[in-house]
């Protein structure tokens, strides 16, 4: 009897030390499992940026870390929505994404302006203007989305597509700017 009690205690202790048991994937919907995986990925991306900054201070800019933090927050909200079984406020998640874009664009513009204030010429005036315009477009995108809260789902979807298109254009612009100079298309360079 004493041995059986010890076995039960060791089994319980082993489970306790392992931490929480994973959610039962057979009872969760695929939407909840997908949302949970998105949270884990967003958190892993944030953790990676924070670890990089612990190794080398400032390696990942604060604005990038803030974007990862916001991505993790949005993923957690989506998980909560999926767990609650509702997608009615899905448009709110898109509005939150647009707000994150607005905030990031504004911060980038303000940071570039501040850097130029400390070290003149770090950013070309045209680049400062481009960053200002990106912030303005992002601000207007949020306003457009907020005006569509009571619109038809089709109209909301069109706005969501526009939001994604703006993100693709921004990524395209950044990748072209980051690409090495190639003499084949010298007039296309920024």
Protein backbone atom coordinates (compact mmCIF):
# COMPACT_ATOMS: atom_id res chain seq x y z
CA UNK A 1 0.00 0.00 0.00
CA UNK A 2 2.82 2.39 0.83
CA UNK A 3 4.44 1.78 -2.60
CA UNK A 4 1.17 2.46 -4.43
CA UNK A 5 0.77 5.76 -2.60
CA UNK A 6 4.30 6.78 -3.54
CA UNK A 7 3.65 5.91 -7.19
CA UNK A 8 0.49 8.04 -7.23
CA UNK A 9 2.33 10.94 -5.58
CA UNK A 10 5.23 10.71 -8.04
CA UNK A 11 2.83 10.61 -11.01
CA UNK A 12 0.94 13.63 -9.70
CA UNK A 13 4.16 15.48 -8.95
CA UNK A 14 5.47 14.68 -12.44
CA UNK A 15 2.35 16.14 -14.03
CA UNK A 16 2.49 19.17 -11.76
CA UNK A 17 6.12 19.90 -12.64
CA UNK A 18 5.48 19.53 -16.38
CA UNK A 19 3.12 22.49 -16.31
CA UNK A 20 -0.34 22.80 -17.79
CA UNK A 21 -1.55 20.05 -20.05
CA UNK A 22 -2.03 21.09 -23.67
CA UNK A 23 -5.57 21.86 -24.71
CA UNK A 24 -7.42 18.90 -26.10
CA UNK A 25 -7.27 19.47 -29.84
CA UNK A 26 -10.10 17.04 -30.48
CA UNK A 27 -12.60 19.25 -28.62
CA UNK A 28 -11.35 22.59 -29.95
CA UNK A 29 -12.43 23.89 -33.31
CA UNK A 30 -9.87 24.36 -36.02
CA UNK A 31 -10.42 28.12 -35.69
CA UNK A 32 -9.38 28.05 -32.03
CA UNK A 33 -6.37 25.86 -32.76
CA UNK A 34 -5.38 28.16 -35.63
CA UNK A 35 -5.76 31.25 -33.45
CA UNK A 36 -3.74 29.57 -30.69
CA UNK A 37 -0.95 28.79 -33.16
CA UNK A 38 -0.99 32.43 -34.32
CA UNK A 39 -0.59 33.58 -30.71
CA UNK A 40 2.34 31.23 -30.23
CA UNK A 41 4.01 32.41 -33.43
CA UNK A 42 3.48 36.08 -32.61
CA UNK A 43 4.86 35.53 -29.12
CA UNK A 44 7.87 33.63 -30.51
CA UNK A 45 8.60 36.51 -32.90
CA UNK A 46 8.38 39.00 -30.04
CA UNK A 47 10.58 36.82 -27.83
CA UNK A 48 13.18 36.57 -30.60
CA UNK A 49 13.34 40.36 -30.99
CA UNK A 50 13.59 40.87 -27.23
CA UNK A 51 16.32 38.22 -26.91
CA UNK A 52 18.26 39.85 -29.73
CA UNK A 53 18.10 43.16 -27.87
CA UNK A 54 19.28 41.48 -24.67
CA UNK A 55 22.33 40.15 -26.51
CA UNK A 56 23.04 43.41 -28.35
CA UNK A 57 21.25 46.51 -27.07
CA UNK A 58 19.25 48.25 -29.75
CA UNK A 59 19.80 45.56 -32.39
CA UNK A 60 16.08 45.45 -33.10
CA UNK A 61 14.62 48.98 -33.21
CA UNK A 62 12.02 49.83 -30.59
CA UNK A 63 9.41 50.49 -33.27
CA UNK A 64 9.87 46.94 -34.57
CA UNK A 65 9.56 45.49 -31.07
CA UNK A 66 6.39 47.55 -30.59
CA UNK A 67 4.97 46.10 -33.80
CA UNK A 68 5.72 42.57 -32.57
CA UNK A 69 4.03 43.41 -29.27
CA UNK A 70 0.97 44.66 -31.09
CA UNK A 71 0.91 41.57 -33.31
CA UNK A 72 0.90 39.41 -30.17
CA UNK A 73 -1.95 41.47 -28.67
CA UNK A 74 -4.03 41.18 -31.84
CA UNK A 75 -3.39 37.44 -32.00
CA UNK A 76 -4.54 37.08 -28.39
CA UNK A 77 -7.74 39.02 -29.16
CA UNK A 78 -8.39 36.75 -32.12
CA UNK A 79 -7.89 33.70 -29.92
CA UNK A 80 -10.35 35.09 -27.39
CA UNK A 81 -12.87 35.70 -30.17
CA UNK A 82 -12.40 32.23 -31.60
CA UNK A 83 -12.68 30.63 -28.15
CA UNK A 84 -15.89 32.57 -27.53
CA UNK A 85 -17.21 31.21 -30.81
CA UNK A 86 -17.82 34.59 -32.35
CA UNK A 87 -16.56 36.26 -35.46
CA UNK A 88 -18.99 39.16 -35.28
CA UNK A 89 -16.26 41.51 -34.14
CA UNK A 90 -13.77 40.29 -36.74
CA UNK A 91 -13.91 43.73 -38.34
CA UNK A 92 -12.69 45.20 -35.04
CA UNK A 93 -9.53 43.12 -35.36
CA UNK A 94 -8.95 44.67 -38.77
CA UNK A 95 -9.48 48.12 -37.31
CA UNK A 96 -6.92 47.29 -34.64
CA UNK A 97 -4.48 46.23 -37.34
CA UNK A 98 -5.06 49.50 -39.16
CA UNK A 99 -4.48 51.39 -35.92
CA UNK A 100 -1.22 49.49 -35.41
CA UNK A 101 -0.13 50.46 -38.92
CA UNK A 102 -1.04 54.08 -38.21
CA UNK A 103 0.87 54.08 -34.94
CA UNK A 104 3.95 52.45 -36.47
CA UNK A 105 3.97 54.82 -39.46
CA UNK A 106 3.61 57.86 -37.21
CA UNK A 107 6.37 56.65 -34.90
CA UNK A 108 8.70 55.97 -37.82
CA UNK A 109 8.10 59.45 -39.25
CA UNK A 110 8.53 61.14 -35.86
CA UNK A 111 11.70 59.15 -35.12
CA UNK A 112 13.23 60.03 -38.48
CA UNK A 113 12.39 63.69 -37.93
CA UNK A 114 13.92 63.57 -34.44
CA UNK A 115 17.08 61.90 -35.75
CA UNK A 116 17.41 64.62 -38.38
CA UNK A 117 17.03 67.17 -35.60
CA UNK A 118 20.00 65.64 -33.79
CA UNK A 119 22.12 64.80 -36.85
CA UNK A 120 21.11 66.89 -39.84
CA UNK A 121 20.98 65.05 -43.14
CA UNK A 122 20.60 61.55 -41.72
CA UNK A 123 17.39 61.29 -43.72
CA UNK A 124 16.91 63.10 -46.99
CA UNK A 125 14.05 65.62 -47.03
CA UNK A 126 12.26 63.50 -49.62
CA UNK A 127 12.45 60.45 -47.33
CA UNK A 128 11.05 62.47 -44.42
CA UNK A 129 8.19 63.56 -46.68
CA UNK A 130 7.58 59.99 -47.80
CA UNK A 131 7.40 58.85 -44.16
CA UNK A 132 5.01 61.70 -43.36
CA UNK A 133 2.81 60.73 -46.28
CA UNK A 134 2.86 57.07 -45.23
CA UNK A 135 1.69 58.18 -41.76
CA UNK A 136 -1.06 60.30 -43.33
CA UNK A 137 -2.25 57.42 -45.54
CA UNK A 138 -2.30 55.10 -42.52
CA UNK A 139 -4.27 57.66 -40.50
CA UNK A 140 -6.82 58.04 -43.28
CA UNK A 141 -7.04 54.26 -43.63
CA UNK A 142 -8.08 54.05 -39.96
CA UNK A 143 -10.65 56.79 -40.45
CA UNK A 144 -12.03 55.00 -43.51
CA UNK A 145 -12.33 51.78 -41.52
CA UNK A 146 -14.03 53.47 -38.59
CA UNK A 147 -16.59 54.93 -40.97
CA UNK A 148 -17.43 51.40 -42.16
CA UNK A 149 -18.28 49.83 -38.79
CA UNK A 150 -21.98 49.66 -39.71
CA UNK A 151 -21.43 49.10 -43.44
CA UNK A 152 -22.19 45.89 -45.29
CA UNK A 153 -19.76 43.01 -44.90
CA UNK A 154 -18.88 43.34 -48.59
CA UNK A 155 -17.86 46.98 -48.12
CA UNK A 156 -15.85 46.05 -45.04
CA UNK A 157 -14.10 43.28 -46.97
CA UNK A 158 -13.16 45.73 -49.70
CA UNK A 159 -11.60 48.00 -47.08
CA UNK A 160 -9.73 45.01 -45.60
CA UNK A 161 -8.37 44.21 -49.05
CA UNK A 162 -7.28 47.84 -49.43
CA UNK A 163 -5.53 47.61 -46.06
CA UNK A 164 -3.69 44.48 -47.17
CA UNK A 165 -2.79 46.13 -50.48
CA UNK A 166 -1.25 49.07 -48.59
CA UNK A 167 0.78 46.64 -46.50
CA UNK A 168 1.98 44.81 -49.62
CA UNK A 169 2.97 48.12 -51.23
CA UNK A 170 4.89 49.13 -48.08
CA UNK A 171 6.70 45.79 -48.01
CA UNK A 172 7.49 46.06 -51.72
CA UNK A 173 8.86 49.56 -51.20
CA UNK A 174 11.00 48.44 -48.26
CA UNK A 175 12.32 45.38 -50.08
CA UNK A 176 13.26 47.46 -53.13
CA UNK A 177 15.00 49.97 -50.90
CA UNK A 178 16.89 47.21 -49.10
CA UNK A 179 17.90 45.36 -52.28
CA UNK A 180 21.52 45.77 -53.36
CA UNK A 181 22.18 48.26 -56.11
CA UNK A 182 22.06 46.67 -59.53
CA UNK A 183 23.24 48.55 -62.59
CA UNK A 184 20.67 46.86 -64.80
CA UNK A 185 17.90 49.19 -63.63
CA UNK A 186 19.73 52.27 -62.37
CA UNK A 187 16.74 54.60 -62.85
CA UNK A 188 14.45 52.46 -60.73
CA UNK A 189 16.54 52.84 -57.60
CA UNK A 190 15.29 55.00 -54.78
